């Protein structure tokens, strides 16, 4: 956000996503963002400061790819993306005194097949830990990108292009 020329204070109250029941990845990310929005709205309000909440989900083959619990699960998640399309769907809710914006954006990556030795080295590094889909497109997956459809900022967790248009 600083790179986009937007000043902000980053504070948050967590929302437990484990109980969300959704039929599609877009519905899931919307419900997760809405839950975070409502939790943070109760905590902070938006009197003088605007409130911005965003969440992201990674999906391949119609399945939501959560954060891997261990190396074996990370391998399985990464292999589901290898040679396939992977979409990053980000939802944001922005609330100020004057407007409220809800946006769901999607960026889709076409990946070449991952080299198995490269994949194993990445898994051993532990860099996949705590990342939805076990990877970041600016990290391990970057070398395997064949095509990008959508805004890169969506994949980073917030569609800056949409937000800036309203600010």
Protein backbone atom coordinates (compact mmCIF):
# COMPACT_ATOMS: atom_id res chain seq x y z
CA UNK A 1 0.00 0.00 0.00
CA UNK A 2 2.88 2.37 0.71
CA UNK A 3 4.17 1.67 -2.81
CA UNK A 4 0.77 2.77 -4.13
CA UNK A 5 0.99 6.06 -2.22
CA UNK A 6 -1.69 5.10 0.30
CA UNK A 7 -1.00 5.85 3.96
CA UNK A 8 -2.32 3.31 6.44
CA UNK A 9 -2.12 1.89 9.94
CA UNK A 10 -2.09 -1.90 10.04
CA UNK A 11 -4.03 -3.41 12.93
CA UNK A 12 -6.26 -6.45 12.98
CA UNK A 13 -8.39 -8.75 15.05
CA UNK A 14 -8.44 -12.32 13.83
CA UNK A 15 -11.50 -14.17 12.62
CA UNK A 16 -11.69 -17.97 12.71
CA UNK A 17 -12.32 -19.23 9.15
CA UNK A 18 -12.50 -22.89 10.16
CA UNK A 19 -16.28 -22.84 10.51
CA UNK A 20 -17.08 -21.33 7.12
CA UNK A 21 -19.23 -23.51 4.89
CA UNK A 22 -19.15 -22.44 1.24
CA UNK A 23 -19.95 -24.06 -2.08
CA UNK A 24 -17.34 -22.16 -4.13
CA UNK A 25 -13.95 -20.53 -3.53
CA UNK A 26 -15.46 -17.10 -4.28
CA UNK A 27 -18.18 -17.64 -1.69
CA UNK A 28 -15.57 -18.81 0.83
CA UNK A 29 -13.31 -15.78 0.39
CA UNK A 30 -16.32 -13.43 0.58
CA UNK A 31 -17.56 -15.02 3.82
CA UNK A 32 -14.04 -14.97 5.32
CA UNK A 33 -13.60 -11.30 4.41
CA UNK A 34 -17.06 -10.41 5.71
CA UNK A 35 -16.29 -12.15 9.01
CA UNK A 36 -13.00 -10.26 9.33
CA UNK A 37 -14.72 -7.00 8.36
CA UNK A 38 -17.43 -7.41 11.02
CA UNK A 39 -14.86 -8.38 13.68
CA UNK A 40 -12.64 -5.40 12.87
CA UNK A 41 -15.56 -3.00 12.50
CA UNK A 42 -16.66 -3.83 16.05
CA UNK A 43 -13.08 -3.33 17.27
CA UNK A 44 -12.16 -0.16 15.36
CA UNK A 45 -15.24 1.43 13.81
CA UNK A 46 -14.56 3.85 10.95
CA UNK A 47 -15.37 7.31 12.32
CA UNK A 48 -12.19 9.16 11.40
CA UNK A 49 -10.23 6.37 9.76
CA UNK A 50 -11.39 4.21 6.91
CA UNK A 51 -11.49 0.44 7.41
CA UNK A 52 -10.05 -1.94 4.82
CA UNK A 53 -10.20 -5.70 5.19
CA UNK A 54 -9.06 -8.24 2.61
CA UNK A 55 -8.62 -11.98 2.35
CA UNK A 56 -7.33 -14.31 -0.33
CA UNK A 57 -7.96 -17.90 -1.34
CA UNK A 58 -5.89 -20.04 -3.71
CA UNK A 59 -7.68 -22.57 -5.88
CA UNK A 60 -6.75 -25.20 -8.46
CA UNK A 61 -9.01 -27.76 -10.11
CA UNK A 62 -11.99 -26.19 -8.31
CA UNK A 63 -10.51 -27.00 -4.89
CA UNK A 64 -9.53 -24.46 -2.24
CA UNK A 65 -5.85 -24.85 -1.41
CA UNK A 66 -5.41 -23.91 2.24
CA UNK A 67 -2.19 -23.62 4.21
CA UNK A 68 -0.40 -26.97 4.34
CA UNK A 69 -0.05 -28.54 7.77
CA UNK A 70 3.09 -30.48 6.89
CA UNK A 71 5.56 -31.17 4.09
CA UNK A 72 3.54 -34.06 2.63
CA UNK A 73 0.43 -31.90 2.35
CA UNK A 74 2.49 -29.05 0.85
CA UNK A 75 3.83 -31.47 -1.80
CA UNK A 76 0.28 -32.61 -2.65
CA UNK A 77 -0.96 -29.02 -2.89
CA UNK A 78 1.96 -27.95 -5.09
CA UNK A 79 1.60 -30.95 -7.38
CA UNK A 80 -2.06 -30.03 -7.93
CA UNK A 81 -0.82 -26.69 -9.33
CA UNK A 82 2.04 -28.11 -11.40
CA UNK A 83 1.19 -27.92 -15.11
CA UNK A 84 -2.26 -26.48 -14.28
CA UNK A 85 -4.19 -23.27 -13.85
CA UNK A 86 -4.13 -21.80 -10.36
CA UNK A 87 -6.37 -18.90 -9.39
CA UNK A 88 -5.89 -16.44 -6.57
CA UNK A 89 -9.17 -14.86 -5.53
CA UNK A 90 -9.07 -11.80 -3.29
CA UNK A 91 -12.02 -10.09 -1.65
CA UNK A 92 -11.80 -6.66 -0.07
CA UNK A 93 -14.25 -4.56 1.86
CA UNK A 94 -13.47 -0.86 2.20
CA UNK A 95 -15.58 1.36 4.48
CA UNK A 96 -15.27 5.10 4.99
CA UNK A 97 -17.69 7.78 6.13
CA UNK A 98 -18.72 8.29 2.52
CA UNK A 99 -18.59 4.93 0.77
CA UNK A 100 -18.46 1.21 1.10
CA UNK A 101 -16.82 -0.95 -1.56
CA UNK A 102 -16.93 -4.72 -1.85
CA UNK A 103 -14.77 -6.26 -4.57
CA UNK A 104 -13.88 -9.80 -5.52
CA UNK A 105 -11.02 -10.06 -8.00
CA UNK A 106 -9.35 -13.08 -9.53
CA UNK A 107 -5.95 -13.59 -11.09
CA UNK A 108 -5.21 -16.88 -12.82
CA UNK A 109 -1.75 -18.29 -13.45
CA UNK A 110 -0.88 -21.00 -15.93
CA UNK A 111 2.09 -22.94 -14.54
CA UNK A 112 4.52 -25.20 -16.39
CA UNK A 113 5.17 -28.50 -14.67
CA UNK A 114 7.38 -28.05 -11.62
CA UNK A 115 10.80 -29.68 -11.73
CA UNK A 116 10.71 -32.42 -9.06
CA UNK A 117 14.21 -31.68 -7.72
CA UNK A 118 13.39 -27.97 -7.53
CA UNK A 119 10.12 -28.80 -5.78
CA UNK A 120 11.84 -31.01 -3.19
CA UNK A 121 14.46 -28.33 -2.52
CA UNK A 122 11.65 -25.78 -2.01
CA UNK A 123 9.81 -28.14 0.34
CA UNK A 124 12.97 -28.70 2.41
CA UNK A 125 13.47 -24.91 2.68
CA UNK A 126 10.21 -24.53 4.63
CA UNK A 127 9.34 -21.35 2.70
CA UNK A 128 5.92 -22.86 1.92
CA UNK A 129 4.87 -22.77 5.58
CA UNK A 130 2.01 -20.43 6.40
CA UNK A 131 1.19 -19.76 2.74
CA UNK A 132 -2.15 -20.57 1.14
CA UNK A 133 -1.48 -22.90 -1.77
CA UNK A 134 1.98 -23.54 -0.22
CA UNK A 135 3.60 -21.01 -2.53
CA UNK A 136 3.86 -17.36 -3.48
CA UNK A 137 3.92 -16.33 -7.13
CA UNK A 138 6.84 -13.99 -6.42
CA UNK A 139 8.79 -16.91 -4.94
CA UNK A 140 9.09 -20.56 -5.99
CA UNK A 141 6.28 -20.48 -8.56
CA UNK A 142 7.63 -17.41 -10.40
CA UNK A 143 10.00 -19.43 -12.61
CA UNK A 144 7.11 -21.66 -13.73
CA UNK A 145 4.60 -18.98 -14.79
CA UNK A 146 3.57 -19.33 -18.44
CA UNK A 147 0.69 -16.83 -18.43
CA UNK A 148 -1.01 -14.40 -16.06
CA UNK A 149 -4.63 -13.31 -16.45
CA UNK A 150 -5.57 -10.52 -14.06
CA UNK A 151 -3.79 -8.06 -11.80
CA UNK A 152 -0.65 -9.18 -10.00
CA UNK A 153 -1.73 -7.17 -6.94
CA UNK A 154 -4.72 -9.49 -6.55
CA UNK A 155 -2.29 -12.38 -6.12
CA UNK A 156 -0.41 -10.37 -3.49
CA UNK A 157 -3.60 -10.07 -1.42
CA UNK A 158 -5.26 -6.79 -2.42
CA UNK A 159 -6.38 -5.45 -5.80
CA UNK A 160 -4.68 -2.05 -5.59
CA UNK A 161 -5.93 -1.05 -9.06
CA UNK A 162 -9.58 -1.31 -7.96
CA UNK A 163 -8.97 0.33 -4.58
CA UNK A 164 -7.07 3.30 -6.03
CA UNK A 165 -9.92 4.00 -8.47
CA UNK A 166 -12.22 4.71 -5.51
CA UNK A 167 -9.79 6.61 -3.27
